[in-house]
PDB file of N, CA and C in Angstrom:
ATOM      1  N   MET A   1     -65.036 -80.853 170.188  1.00  0.00           N
ATOM      2  CA  MET A   1     -64.756 -81.116 171.577  1.00  0.00           C
ATOM      3  C   MET A   1     -63.267 -81.345 171.762  1.00  0.00           C
ATOM      4  N   LYS A   2     -62.682 -80.653 172.655  1.00  0.00           N
ATOM      5  CA  LYS A   2     -61.243 -80.740 172.887  1.00  0.00           C
ATOM      6  C   LYS A   2     -60.844 -82.117 173.405  1.00  0.00           C
ATOM      7  N   ASP A   3     -61.591 -82.646 174.369  1.00  0.00           N
ATOM      8  CA  ASP A   3     -61.246 -83.942 174.963  1.00  0.00           C
ATOM      9  C   ASP A   3     -61.310 -85.070 173.941  1.00  0.00           C
ATOM     10  N   LYS A   4     -62.271 -85.002 173.025  1.00  0.00           N
ATOM     11  CA  LYS A   4     -62.424 -86.056 172.026  1.00  0.00           C
ATOM     12  C   LYS A   4     -61.211 -86.094 171.098  1.00  0.00           C
ATOM     13  N   SER A   5     -60.739 -84.931 170.672  1.00  0.00           N
ATOM     14  CA  SER A   5     -59.573 -84.916 169.786  1.00  0.00           C
ATOM     15  C   SER A   5     -58.338 -85.393 170.534  1.00  0.00           C
ATOM     16  N   LYS A   6     -58.230 -85.043 171.808  1.00  0.00           N
ATOM     17  CA  LYS A   6     -57.098 -85.496 172.617  1.00  0.00           C
ATOM     18  C   LYS A   6     -57.145 -87.010 172.784  1.00  0.00           C
ATOM     19  N   MET A   7     -58.348 -87.539 172.991  1.00  0.00           N
ATOM     20  CA  MET A   7     -58.510 -88.977 173.158  1.00  0.00           C
ATOM     21  C   MET A   7     -58.108 -89.693 171.864  1.00  0.00           C
ATOM     22  N   ASN A   8     -58.473 -89.135 170.716  1.00  0.00           N
ATOM     23  CA  ASN A   8     -58.111 -89.761 169.444  1.00  0.00           C
ATOM     24  C   ASN A   8     -56.609 -89.764 169.234  1.00  0.00           C
ATOM     25  N   GLU A   9     -55.924 -88.721 169.703  1.00  0.00           N
ATOM     26  CA  GLU A   9     -54.476 -88.662 169.562  1.00  0.00           C
ATOM     27  C   GLU A   9     -53.793 -89.694 170.445  1.00  0.00           C
ATOM     28  N   MET A  10     -54.356 -89.958 171.617  1.00  0.00           N
ATOM     29  CA  MET A  10     -53.734 -90.871 172.574  1.00  0.00           C
ATOM     30  C   MET A  10     -53.932 -92.332 172.201  1.00  0.00           C
ATOM     31  N   SER A  11     -55.051 -92.630 171.597  1.00  0.00           N
ATOM     32  CA  SER A  11     -55.336 -94.033 171.327  1.00  0.00           C
ATOM     33  C   SER A  11     -54.539 -94.520 170.131  1.00  0.00           C
ATOM     34  N   VAL A  12     -54.072 -95.722 170.270  1.00  0.00           N
ATOM     35  CA  VAL A  12     -53.325 -96.351 169.190  1.00  0.00           C
ATOM     36  C   VAL A  12     -54.315 -97.157 168.374  1.00  0.00           C
ATOM     37  N   PRO A  13     -54.408 -96.878 167.074  1.00  0.00           N
ATOM     38  CA  PRO A  13     -55.368 -97.633 166.277  1.00  0.00           C
ATOM     39  C   PRO A  13     -55.012 -99.119 166.272  1.00  0.00           C
ATOM     40  N   ARG A  14     -56.007 -99.919 166.527  1.00  0.00           N
ATOM     41  CA  ARG A  14     -55.800-101.365 166.524  1.00  0.00           C
ATOM     42  C   ARG A  14     -56.645-101.978 165.429  1.00  0.00           C
ATOM     43  N   PRO A  15     -56.180-103.064 164.886  1.00  0.00           N
ATOM     44  CA  PRO A  15     -57.024-103.733 163.895  1.00  0.00           C
ATOM     45  C   PRO A  15     -58.287-104.251 164.584  1.00  0.00           C
ATOM     46  N   ARG A  16     -59.370-104.179 163.880  1.00  0.00           N
ATOM     47  CA  ARG A  16     -60.632-104.664 164.456  1.00  0.00           C
ATOM     48  C   ARG A  16     -60.591-106.179 164.579  1.00  0.00           C
ATOM     49  N   ARG A  17     -61.043-106.617 165.736  1.00  0.00           N
ATOM     50  CA  ARG A  17     -61.094-108.058 165.962  1.00  0.00           C
ATOM     51  C   ARG A  17     -62.552-108.486 165.887  1.00  0.00           C
ATOM     52  N   THR A  18     -62.874-109.229 164.910  1.00  0.00           N
ATOM     53  CA  THR A  18     -64.255-109.683 164.782  1.00  0.00           C
ATOM     54  C   THR A  18     -64.477-110.983 165.541  1.00  0.00           C
ATOM     55  N   GLN A  19     -63.407-111.666 165.923  1.00  0.00           N
ATOM     56  CA  GLN A  19     -63.544-112.938 166.600  1.00  0.00           C
ATOM     57  C   GLN A  19     -63.959-112.787 168.061  1.00  0.00           C
ATOM     58  N   ASP A  20     -63.796-111.603 168.651  1.00  0.00           N
ATOM     59  CA  ASP A  20     -64.114-111.464 170.067  1.00  0.00           C
ATOM     60  C   ASP A  20     -65.614-111.327 170.319  1.00  0.00           C
ATOM     61  N   GLY A  21     -66.393-111.179 169.275  1.00  0.00           N
ATOM     62  CA  GLY A  21     -67.839-111.103 169.419  1.00  0.00           C
ATOM     63  C   GLY A  21     -68.336-109.730 169.858  1.00  0.00           C
ATOM     64  N   LEU A  22     -67.440-108.788 170.080  1.00  0.00           N
ATOM     65  CA  LEU A  22     -67.848-107.470 170.547  1.00  0.00           C
ATOM     66  C   LEU A  22     -67.899-106.431 169.436  1.00  0.00           C
ATOM     67  N   GLY A  23     -67.262-106.698 168.322  1.00  0.00           N
ATOM     68  CA  GLY A  23     -67.289-105.773 167.199  1.00  0.00           C
ATOM     69  C   GLY A  23     -66.759-104.403 167.562  1.00  0.00           C
ATOM     70  N   PRO A  24     -67.533-103.332 167.291  1.00  0.00           N
ATOM     71  CA  PRO A  24     -67.073-101.970 167.561  1.00  0.00           C
ATOM     72  C   PRO A  24     -66.853-101.693 169.041  1.00  0.00           C
ATOM     73  N   ASN A  25     -67.452-102.490 169.915  1.00  0.00           N
ATOM     74  CA  ASN A  25     -67.264-102.274 171.345  1.00  0.00           C
ATOM     75  C   ASN A  25     -65.808-102.464 171.762  1.00  0.00           C
ATOM     76  N   THR A  26     -65.067-103.274 171.028  1.00  0.00           N
ATOM     77  CA  THR A  26     -63.653-103.459 171.321  1.00  0.00           C
ATOM     78  C   THR A  26     -62.908-102.138 171.151  1.00  0.00           C
ATOM     79  N   ASP A  27     -63.201-101.425 170.073  1.00  0.00           N
ATOM     80  CA  ASP A  27     -62.558-100.129 169.828  1.00  0.00           C
ATOM     81  C   ASP A  27     -63.000 -99.091 170.856  1.00  0.00           C
ATOM     82  N   ILE A  28     -64.262 -99.107 171.209  1.00  0.00           N
ATOM     83  CA  ILE A  28     -64.768 -98.174 172.216  1.00  0.00           C
ATOM     84  C   ILE A  28     -64.066 -98.425 173.540  1.00  0.00           C
ATOM     85  N   GLY A  29     -63.914 -99.683 173.913  1.00  0.00           N
ATOM     86  CA  GLY A  29     -63.231-100.029 175.159  1.00  0.00           C
ATOM     87  C   GLY A  29     -61.796 -99.549 175.166  1.00  0.00           C
ATOM     88  N   ALA A  30     -61.105 -99.700 174.040  1.00  0.00           N
ATOM     89  CA  ALA A  30     -59.709 -99.267 173.949  1.00  0.00           C
ATOM     90  C   ALA A  30     -59.606 -97.747 174.121  1.00  0.00           C
ATOM     91  N   LYS A  31     -60.527 -97.009 173.512  1.00  0.00           N
ATOM     92  CA  LYS A  31     -60.504 -95.551 173.634  1.00  0.00           C
ATOM     93  C   LYS A  31     -60.858 -95.114 175.053  1.00  0.00           C
ATOM     94  N   LEU A  32     -61.814 -95.804 175.673  1.00  0.00           N
ATOM     95  CA  LEU A  32     -62.155 -95.473 177.053  1.00  0.00           C
ATOM     96  C   LEU A  32     -60.979 -95.729 177.989  1.00  0.00           C
ATOM     97  N   ARG A  33     -60.257 -96.827 177.783  1.00  0.00           N
ATOM     98  CA  ARG A  33     -59.083 -97.111 178.609  1.00  0.00           C
ATOM     99  C   ARG A  33     -58.021 -96.032 178.425  1.00  0.00           C
ATOM    100  N   ALA A  34     -57.808 -95.593 177.189  1.00  0.00           N
ATOM    101  CA  ALA A  34     -56.817 -94.546 176.924  1.00  0.00           C
ATOM    102  C   ALA A  34     -57.232 -93.236 177.582  1.00  0.00           C
ATOM    103  N   PHE A  35     -58.509 -92.891 177.481  1.00  0.00           N
ATOM    104  CA  PHE A  35     -58.992 -91.643 178.086  1.00  0.00           C
ATOM    105  C   PHE A  35     -58.898 -91.723 179.602  1.00  0.00           C
ATOM    106  N   TYR A  36     -59.309 -92.838 180.189  1.00  0.00           N
ATOM    107  CA  TYR A  36     -59.247 -93.003 181.636  1.00  0.00           C
ATOM    108  C   TYR A  36     -57.796 -92.918 182.109  1.00  0.00           C
ATOM    109  N   GLY A  37     -56.877 -93.501 181.357  1.00  0.00           N
ATOM    110  CA  GLY A  37     -55.462 -93.440 181.718  1.00  0.00           C
ATOM    111  C   GLY A  37     -54.954 -92.011 181.779  1.00  0.00           C
ATOM    112  N   SER A  38     -55.395 -91.179 180.847  1.00  0.00           N
ATOM    113  CA  SER A  38     -54.957 -89.780 180.852  1.00  0.00           C
ATOM    114  C   SER A  38     -55.561 -89.020 182.028  1.00  0.00           C
ATOM    115  N   VAL A  39     -56.796 -89.321 182.379  1.00  0.00           N
ATOM    116  CA  VAL A  39     -57.444 -88.666 183.520  1.00  0.00           C
ATOM    117  C   VAL A  39     -56.783 -89.130 184.818  1.00  0.00           C
ATOM    118  N   GLU A  40     -56.459 -90.395 184.875  1.00  0.00           N
ATOM    119  CA  GLU A  40     -55.843 -90.975 186.068  1.00  0.00           C
ATOM    120  C   GLU A  40     -54.484 -90.333 186.374  1.00  0.00           C
ATOM    121  N   ASP A  41     -53.776 -89.904 185.344  1.00  0.00           N
ATOM    122  CA  ASP A  41     -52.449 -89.315 185.515  1.00  0.00           C
ATOM    123  C   ASP A  41     -52.495 -87.846 185.955  1.00  0.00           C
ATOM    124  N   GLN A  42     -53.666 -87.227 185.913  1.00  0.00           N
ATOM    125  CA  GLN A  42     -53.777 -85.828 186.294  1.00  0.00           C
ATOM    126  C   GLN A  42     -53.746 -85.696 187.817  1.00  0.00           C
ATOM    127  N   PRO A  43     -53.144 -84.623 188.318  1.00  0.00           N
ATOM    128  CA  PRO A  43     -53.101 -84.428 189.775  1.00  0.00           C
ATOM    129  C   PRO A  43     -54.482 -84.085 190.330  1.00  0.00           C
ATOM    130  N   ILE A  44     -54.665 -84.364 191.599  1.00  0.00           N
ATOM    131  CA  ILE A  44     -55.915 -84.018 192.275  1.00  0.00           C
ATOM    132  C   ILE A  44     -55.902 -82.514 192.532  1.00  0.00           C
ATOM    133  N   PRO A  45     -56.968 -81.815 192.165  1.00  0.00           N
ATOM    134  CA  PRO A  45     -57.005 -80.360 192.363  1.00  0.00           C
ATOM    135  C   PRO A  45     -56.874 -79.989 193.836  1.00  0.00           C
ATOM    136  N   ASP A  46     -56.168 -78.894 194.106  1.00  0.00           N
ATOM    137  CA  ASP A  46     -55.964 -78.424 195.478  1.00  0.00           C
ATOM    138  C   ASP A  46     -57.284 -78.151 196.187  1.00  0.00           C
ATOM    139  N   LYS A  47     -58.261 -77.627 195.467  1.00  0.00           N
ATOM    140  CA  LYS A  47     -59.548 -77.322 196.075  1.00  0.00           C
ATOM    141  C   LYS A  47     -60.214 -78.598 196.607  1.00  0.00           C
ATOM    142  N   LEU A  48     -60.125 -79.679 195.853  1.00  0.00           N
ATOM    143  CA  LEU A  48     -60.696 -80.951 196.304  1.00  0.00           C
ATOM    144  C   LEU A  48     -59.942 -81.469 197.519  1.00  0.00           C
ATOM    145  N   LEU A  49     -58.622 -81.361 197.513  1.00  0.00           N
ATOM    146  CA  LEU A  49     -57.836 -81.805 198.659  1.00  0.00           C
ATOM    147  C   LEU A  49     -58.185 -80.996 199.909  1.00  0.00           C
ATOM    148  N   ASP A  50     -58.406 -79.685 199.745  1.00  0.00           N
ATOM    149  CA  ASP A  50     -58.810 -78.842 200.870  1.00  0.00           C
ATOM    150  C   ASP A  50     -60.171 -79.267 201.418  1.00  0.00           C
ATOM    151  N   LEU A  51     -61.102 -79.545 200.521  1.00  0.00           N
ATOM    152  CA  LEU A  51     -62.426 -79.982 200.960  1.00  0.00           C
ATOM    153  C   LEU A  51     -62.356 -81.317 201.704  1.00  0.00           C
ATOM    154  N   LEU A  52     -61.537 -82.233 201.222  1.00  0.00           N
ATOM    155  CA  LEU A  52     -61.385 -83.531 201.891  1.00  0.00           C
ATOM    156  C   LEU A  52     -60.758 -83.361 203.274  1.00  0.00           C
ATOM    157  N   GLU A  53     -59.810 -82.451 203.391  1.00  0.00           N
ATOM    158  CA  GLU A  53     -59.194 -82.189 204.695  1.00  0.00           C
ATOM    159  C   GLU A  53     -60.215 -81.611 205.672  1.00  0.00           C
ATOM    160  N   LYS A  54     -61.044 -80.677 205.193  1.00  0.00           N
ATOM    161  CA  LYS A  54     -62.088 -80.112 206.042  1.00  0.00           C
ATOM    162  C   LYS A  54     -63.066 -81.194 206.489  1.00  0.00           C
ATOM    163  N   LEU A  55     -63.426 -82.080 205.586  1.00  0.00           N
ATOM    164  CA  LEU A  55     -64.323 -83.181 205.926  1.00  0.00           C
ATOM    165  C   LEU A  55     -63.701 -84.073 206.998  1.00  0.00           C
ATOM    166  N   ASP A  56     -62.433 -84.382 206.858  1.00  0.00           N
ATOM    167  CA  ASP A  56     -61.738 -85.185 207.867  1.00  0.00           C
ATOM    168  C   ASP A  56     -61.767 -84.502 209.232  1.00  0.00           C
ATOM    169  N   GLN A  57     -61.547 -83.189 209.248  1.00  0.00           N
ATOM    170  CA  GLN A  57     -61.559 -82.451 210.502  1.00  0.00           C
ATOM    171  C   GLN A  57     -62.935 -82.501 211.164  1.00  0.00           C
ATOM    172  N   VAL A  58     -63.975 -82.333 210.371  1.00  0.00           N
ATOM    173  CA  VAL A  58     -65.346 -82.374 210.900  1.00  0.00           C
ATOM    174  C   VAL A  58     -65.666 -83.768 211.431  1.00  0.00           C
ATOM    175  N   GLU A  59     -65.263 -84.791 210.697  1.00  0.00           N
ATOM    176  CA  GLU A  59     -65.519 -86.162 211.145  1.00  0.00           C
ATOM    177  C   GLU A  59     -64.768 -86.487 212.436  1.00  0.00           C
ATOM    178  N   ARG A  60     -63.517 -86.030 212.544  1.00  0.00           N
ATOM    179  CA  ARG A  60     -62.757 -86.273 213.764  1.00  0.00           C
ATOM    180  C   ARG A  60     -63.389 -85.547 214.950  1.00  0.00           C
ATOM    181  N   ALA A  61     -63.835 -84.320 214.725  1.00  0.00           N
ATOM    182  CA  ALA A  61     -64.480 -83.542 215.793  1.00  0.00           C
ATOM    183  C   ALA A  61     -65.768 -84.215 216.244  1.00  0.00           C
ATOM    184  N   ALA A  62     -66.540 -84.715 215.294  1.00  0.00           N
ATOM    185  CA  ALA A  62     -67.801 -85.393 215.632  1.00  0.00           C
ATOM    186  C   ALA A  62     -67.534 -86.686 216.393  1.00  0.00           C
ATOM    187  N   LYS A  63     -66.498 -87.379 216.009  1.00  0.00           N
ATOM    188  CA  LYS A  63     -66.138 -88.631 216.671  1.00  0.00           C
ATOM    189  C   LYS A  63     -65.704 -88.365 218.113  1.00  0.00           C
ATOM    190  N   GLN A  64     -64.906 -87.321 218.324  1.00  0.00           N
ATOM    191  CA  GLN A  64     -64.451 -86.975 219.666  1.00  0.00           C
ATOM    192  C   GLN A  64     -65.624 -86.489 220.523  1.00  0.00           C
ATOM    193  N   LYS A  65     -66.547 -85.794 219.922  1.00  0.00           N
ATOM    194  CA  LYS A  65     -67.721 -85.298 220.635  1.00  0.00           C
ATOM    195  C   LYS A  65     -68.604 -86.462 221.085  1.00  0.00           C
ATOM    196  N   GLY A  66     -68.656 -87.511 220.264  1.00  0.00           N
ATOM    197  CA  GLY A  66     -69.479 -88.678 220.575  1.00  0.00           C
ATOM    198  C   GLY A  66     -68.906 -89.542 221.664  1.00  0.00           C
ATOM    199  N   ASN A  67     -67.601 -89.475 221.917  1.00  0.00           N
ATOM    200  CA  ASN A  67     -66.959 -90.306 222.955  1.00  0.00           C
ATOM    201  C   ASN A  67     -67.128 -89.734 224.278  1.00  0.00           C
TER     202      ASN A  67
END
């Protein structure tokens, strides 16, 4: 999986903390945060922005029709 290898490259290995009571979940959380950070930095696709604009137009038209 391409995304999994990319996620492994982005995450900084941390020593396991056994005192937090979460065990391996601590590492999973760190990798999820790293992956989410990379997704968050990606631009919103133009197609999605176009669809949102169309939705706004329809909602405004419906609102004006209702008044």
